[in-house]
């Protein structure tokens, strides 16, 4: 599953899991606040905020050479990129500094509720049937027939995109640059639901070029892999096994993290 479907909106599943876990923390703290001390309710909201800021700051600092080229991109939180350990340390530090000692155990119980929910969600969504690179026939911009299964033997980064999709257009230049910088990986850019004229015109106007821009006018890739939205980026190992998938716009730092896993 890529994400949680809420009407026309698709929320990446990892973010939905994090939201539900934090919601459990808030609810537990609210219950304890009514029974023990009202300060626990305010603590929960502030600890979450501090933890999110700390997690994002830790991720940005860890990948500072990338973010230094465009410091404003550190604010693009919708691209993903949070360091859980930094977030826990920040939230825990806030707790120790602001909450009286006799309330620490109740804060721990609230955090434990969040951890139990997160663990339950991971257990229910983990495992499942192995997904492999499909034997799907597609065509290049020049009309050459190719099959996705033929790209096995190297790690594969498969990006499903469309010219009408603003997040796709924002991430595409970065991804095509990484394609050139990482010849040990196949980057496949599979256009969904569009013909060669539309795709070629957009790439020429944007000054973009990549060896493997593929056409899927009937969106068979979305059907084969159960894609829920665009852009979606999928990561396959050398044997064609799906290692990870990312729904929504992706940052360079997050993408490089996925590449490290592939190696």
Protein backbone atom coordinates (compact mmCIF):
# COMPACT_ATOMS: atom_id res chain seq x y z
CA UNK A 1 0.00 0.00 0.00
CA UNK A 2 1.41 3.40 -1.01
CA UNK A 3 -0.91 5.54 1.04
CA UNK A 4 -4.18 6.04 2.88
CA UNK A 5 -6.99 7.04 0.52
CA UNK A 6 -9.14 9.88 1.88
CA UNK A 7 -11.53 10.69 -0.96
CA UNK A 8 -9.44 12.30 -3.71
CA UNK A 9 -6.51 12.76 -1.32
CA UNK A 10 -3.84 10.11 -0.81
CA UNK A 11 -1.72 10.41 2.34
CA UNK A 12 1.59 8.49 2.21
CA UNK A 13 1.20 5.51 4.52
CA UNK A 14 4.35 6.26 6.54
CA UNK A 15 2.96 9.71 7.38
CA UNK A 16 -0.45 8.25 8.22
CA UNK A 17 1.24 5.80 10.60
CA UNK A 18 3.19 8.61 12.27
CA UNK A 19 0.02 10.70 12.61
CA UNK A 20 -1.91 7.82 14.22
CA UNK A 21 0.94 7.11 16.64
CA UNK A 22 1.14 10.76 17.68
CA UNK A 23 -2.65 10.86 17.99
CA UNK A 24 -2.39 7.96 20.44
CA UNK A 25 0.13 9.95 22.47
CA UNK A 26 -2.18 12.96 22.58
CA UNK A 27 -5.23 10.91 23.56
CA UNK A 28 -3.33 9.11 26.33
CA UNK A 29 -2.02 12.42 27.63
CA UNK A 30 -5.50 13.96 27.55
CA UNK A 31 -6.90 11.08 29.61
CA UNK A 32 -4.07 11.37 32.13
CA UNK A 33 -4.43 15.15 32.21
CA UNK A 34 -8.04 14.82 33.37
CA UNK A 35 -7.17 12.24 36.00
CA UNK A 36 -3.74 13.35 37.20
CA UNK A 37 -2.56 16.82 36.14
CA UNK A 38 -3.83 19.25 33.49
CA UNK A 39 -0.26 20.13 32.49
CA UNK A 40 0.10 16.78 30.73
CA UNK A 41 -2.21 17.88 27.91
CA UNK A 42 -0.14 20.95 27.01
CA UNK A 43 3.04 18.93 27.41
CA UNK A 44 1.91 16.42 24.76
CA UNK A 45 1.26 19.03 22.07
CA UNK A 46 4.49 20.91 22.78
CA UNK A 47 6.58 17.73 22.95
CA UNK A 48 5.24 16.64 19.55
CA UNK A 49 6.01 20.05 18.03
CA UNK A 50 9.53 20.11 19.48
CA UNK A 51 10.09 16.52 18.38
CA UNK A 52 9.01 17.24 14.80
CA UNK A 53 11.23 20.31 14.60
CA UNK A 54 14.14 18.39 16.11
CA UNK A 55 13.65 15.46 13.75
CA UNK A 56 13.60 17.70 10.73
CA UNK A 57 16.58 19.76 11.92
CA UNK A 58 18.58 16.61 12.57
CA UNK A 59 17.85 15.29 9.08
CA UNK A 60 18.81 18.61 7.45
CA UNK A 61 22.07 18.84 9.40
CA UNK A 62 22.94 15.24 8.54
CA UNK A 63 22.49 16.09 4.85
CA UNK A 64 23.69 19.69 5.01
CA UNK A 65 25.91 19.58 1.88
CA UNK A 66 22.72 18.94 -0.13
CA UNK A 67 20.56 21.52 1.63
CA UNK A 68 23.37 24.12 1.60
CA UNK A 69 22.84 24.51 -2.16
CA UNK A 70 19.29 25.68 -1.48
CA UNK A 71 18.76 26.38 2.24
CA UNK A 72 15.11 27.25 1.68
CA UNK A 73 14.48 23.62 0.70
CA UNK A 74 14.96 22.71 4.37
CA UNK A 75 11.39 23.99 4.80
CA UNK A 76 9.96 21.65 2.16
CA UNK A 77 8.74 19.13 4.73
CA UNK A 78 6.23 17.62 2.29
CA UNK A 79 9.19 15.99 0.50
CA UNK A 80 9.87 13.88 3.57
CA UNK A 81 13.03 13.72 5.62
CA UNK A 82 12.85 13.39 9.41
CA UNK A 83 15.38 11.74 11.69
CA UNK A 84 13.45 9.70 14.31
CA UNK A 85 16.31 9.62 16.84
CA UNK A 86 16.75 13.39 16.76
CA UNK A 87 13.00 13.79 17.16
CA UNK A 88 12.89 11.49 20.18
CA UNK A 89 15.86 13.24 21.78
CA UNK A 90 14.32 16.66 21.21
CA UNK A 91 10.92 15.64 22.59
CA UNK A 92 12.54 13.80 25.49
CA UNK A 93 14.78 16.75 26.32
CA UNK A 94 11.79 19.08 26.31
CA UNK A 95 10.00 16.69 28.68
CA UNK A 96 12.87 16.54 31.15
CA UNK A 97 13.30 20.32 31.17
CA UNK A 98 9.66 21.39 31.46
CA UNK A 99 7.69 18.63 33.17
CA UNK A 100 7.95 18.10 36.95
CA UNK A 101 9.67 14.86 37.92
CA UNK A 102 6.57 13.33 39.45
CA UNK A 103 4.87 13.56 36.01
CA UNK A 104 7.67 11.92 34.01
CA UNK A 105 6.18 8.45 34.39
CA UNK A 106 2.87 9.64 32.95
CA UNK A 107 4.69 11.15 30.00
CA UNK A 108 6.38 7.78 29.55
CA UNK A 109 3.01 5.99 29.56
CA UNK A 110 1.74 8.37 26.85
CA UNK A 111 4.85 7.78 24.75
CA UNK A 112 4.44 4.04 25.29
CA UNK A 113 0.90 4.24 23.88
CA UNK A 114 2.30 5.91 20.75
CA UNK A 115 4.96 3.22 20.45
CA UNK A 116 2.42 0.41 20.78
CA UNK A 117 0.23 1.92 18.04
CA UNK A 118 3.25 2.38 15.77
CA UNK A 119 4.36 -1.20 16.38
CA UNK A 120 0.88 -2.56 15.71
CA UNK A 121 0.61 -0.64 12.43
CA UNK A 122 4.04 -1.80 11.29
CA UNK A 123 3.15 -5.40 12.12
CA UNK A 124 -0.09 -5.25 10.15
CA UNK A 125 1.48 -3.62 7.08
CA UNK A 126 4.81 -5.43 7.08
CA UNK A 127 5.59 -8.53 5.04
CA UNK A 128 3.02 -9.60 2.50
CA UNK A 129 3.55 -10.96 -0.98
CA UNK A 130 6.84 -10.13 -2.64
CA UNK A 131 6.54 -7.50 -5.37
CA UNK A 132 8.85 -7.75 -8.37
CA UNK A 133 9.66 -5.60 -11.36
CA UNK A 134 6.81 -6.47 -13.74
CA UNK A 135 7.34 -7.93 -17.20
CA UNK A 136 5.59 -4.93 -18.73
CA UNK A 137 6.13 -3.88 -22.37
CA UNK A 138 6.55 -0.13 -22.85
CA UNK A 139 8.01 2.16 -25.51
CA UNK A 140 10.66 4.86 -25.58
CA UNK A 141 10.09 8.35 -26.97
CA UNK A 142 11.53 7.10 -30.26
CA UNK A 143 9.03 4.25 -30.42
CA UNK A 144 11.47 1.48 -29.45
CA UNK A 145 9.82 -1.41 -27.58
CA UNK A 146 11.32 -2.29 -24.19
CA UNK A 147 10.30 -4.54 -21.31
CA UNK A 148 10.76 -3.48 -17.70
CA UNK A 149 12.00 -6.93 -16.72
CA UNK A 150 14.98 -6.43 -19.08
CA UNK A 151 16.42 -3.85 -16.66
CA UNK A 152 17.14 -6.45 -13.97
CA UNK A 153 20.80 -6.91 -13.15
CA UNK A 154 21.23 -3.40 -11.77
CA UNK A 155 19.26 -1.61 -9.06
CA UNK A 156 16.28 0.19 -10.59
CA UNK A 157 14.72 3.51 -9.59
CA UNK A 158 11.35 3.69 -11.32
CA UNK A 159 9.61 7.06 -11.28
CA UNK A 160 5.96 7.23 -12.37
CA UNK A 161 5.15 10.78 -13.46
CA UNK A 162 3.15 13.00 -15.81
CA UNK A 163 3.70 16.42 -17.37
CA UNK A 164 0.51 17.83 -15.78
CA UNK A 165 1.70 16.91 -12.25
CA UNK A 166 3.41 19.88 -10.46
CA UNK A 167 5.33 17.75 -7.89
CA UNK A 168 6.57 15.55 -10.75
CA UNK A 169 7.84 18.60 -12.61
CA UNK A 170 9.63 19.90 -9.51
CA UNK A 171 11.50 16.67 -8.73
CA UNK A 172 12.27 15.57 -12.29
CA UNK A 173 15.37 17.79 -12.90
CA UNK A 174 16.99 16.55 -9.67
CA UNK A 175 16.23 12.93 -10.47
CA UNK A 176 17.59 13.20 -14.01
CA UNK A 177 20.76 14.77 -12.65
CA UNK A 178 21.20 11.89 -10.19
CA UNK A 179 20.64 9.53 -13.12
CA UNK A 180 23.78 10.93 -14.74
CA UNK A 181 25.71 10.82 -11.46
CA UNK A 182 24.86 7.20 -10.66
CA UNK A 183 25.47 5.03 -13.74
CA UNK A 184 25.42 1.92 -11.52
CA UNK A 185 21.64 2.38 -11.17
CA UNK A 186 18.93 2.30 -13.85
CA UNK A 187 16.65 5.33 -13.56
CA UNK A 188 13.41 4.76 -15.47
CA UNK A 189 10.99 7.66 -15.95
CA UNK A 190 7.63 6.17 -16.92
CA UNK A 191 5.12 8.74 -18.15
CA UNK A 192 1.56 7.83 -17.17
CA UNK A 193 -1.35 8.33 -19.57
CA UNK A 194 0.43 10.57 -22.09
CA UNK A 195 1.69 10.23 -25.63
CA UNK A 196 5.15 10.94 -27.10
CA UNK A 197 4.35 14.41 -28.46
CA UNK A 198 3.24 15.80 -25.10
CA UNK A 199 6.16 14.26 -23.21
CA UNK A 200 8.78 15.22 -25.80
CA UNK A 201 7.52 18.81 -25.94
CA UNK A 202 7.67 19.19 -22.16
CA UNK A 203 11.18 17.74 -21.88
CA UNK A 204 12.46 19.98 -24.67
CA UNK A 205 10.91 23.10 -23.14
CA UNK A 206 12.32 22.21 -19.71
CA UNK A 207 15.74 21.32 -21.13
CA UNK A 208 15.61 17.83 -19.60
CA UNK A 209 17.07 14.62 -20.96
CA UNK A 210 17.47 11.07 -19.68
CA UNK A 211 18.31 7.80 -21.42
CA UNK A 212 15.18 5.97 -20.32
CA UNK A 213 12.03 8.06 -20.58
CA UNK A 214 9.31 5.48 -21.20
CA UNK A 215 5.71 5.85 -22.30
CA UNK A 216 2.76 4.15 -20.65
CA UNK A 217 -0.29 5.80 -22.28
CA UNK A 218 -2.68 3.16 -20.90
CA UNK A 219 -1.27 3.44 -17.32
CA UNK A 220 -0.62 -0.29 -17.17
CA UNK A 221 2.22 0.32 -14.71
CA UNK A 222 -0.20 1.85 -12.21
CA UNK A 223 -2.43 -1.20 -12.55
CA UNK A 224 0.44 -3.69 -12.28
CA UNK A 225 1.96 -2.14 -9.15
CA UNK A 226 -1.16 -0.64 -7.56
CA UNK A 227 0.02 2.96 -7.70
CA UNK A 228 -2.31 5.38 -5.93
CA UNK A 229 -0.98 8.74 -7.08
CA UNK A 230 1.74 10.70 -8.85
CA UNK A 231 4.59 11.03 -8.48
CA UNK A 232 5.46 7.61 -7.10
CA UNK A 233 9.05 6.36 -7.01
CA UNK A 234 9.80 2.67 -6.61
CA UNK A 235 13.15 1.09 -5.76
CA UNK A 236 14.04 -2.42 -6.98
CA UNK A 237 17.19 -4.38 -6.17
CA UNK A 238 19.39 -6.17 -8.72
CA UNK A 239 17.10 -9.20 -8.72
CA UNK A 240 14.05 -7.08 -9.45
CA UNK A 241 12.57 -7.22 -5.93
CA UNK A 242 10.76 -4.15 -4.65
CA UNK A 243 12.75 -2.70 -1.74
CA UNK A 244 10.87 0.55 -1.09
CA UNK A 245 8.33 2.90 -2.55
CA UNK A 246 7.82 6.62 -2.04
CA UNK A 247 4.49 8.29 -2.74
CA UNK A 248 4.66 12.01 -3.47
CA UNK A 249 7.46 14.45 -4.16
CA UNK A 250 10.89 13.28 -3.03
CA UNK A 251 13.92 15.31 -2.00
CA UNK A 252 17.47 14.59 -3.10
CA UNK A 253 18.51 13.69 0.45
CA UNK A 254 15.69 11.17 0.84
CA UNK A 255 16.35 9.66 -2.60
CA UNK A 256 20.04 9.22 -1.83
CA UNK A 257 19.04 7.42 1.36
CA UNK A 258 17.02 4.95 -0.69
CA UNK A 259 19.99 4.46 -3.05
CA UNK A 260 22.20 3.54 -0.09
CA UNK A 261 19.67 0.85 0.86
CA UNK A 262 19.74 -0.51 -2.70
CA UNK A 263 23.49 -0.96 -2.57
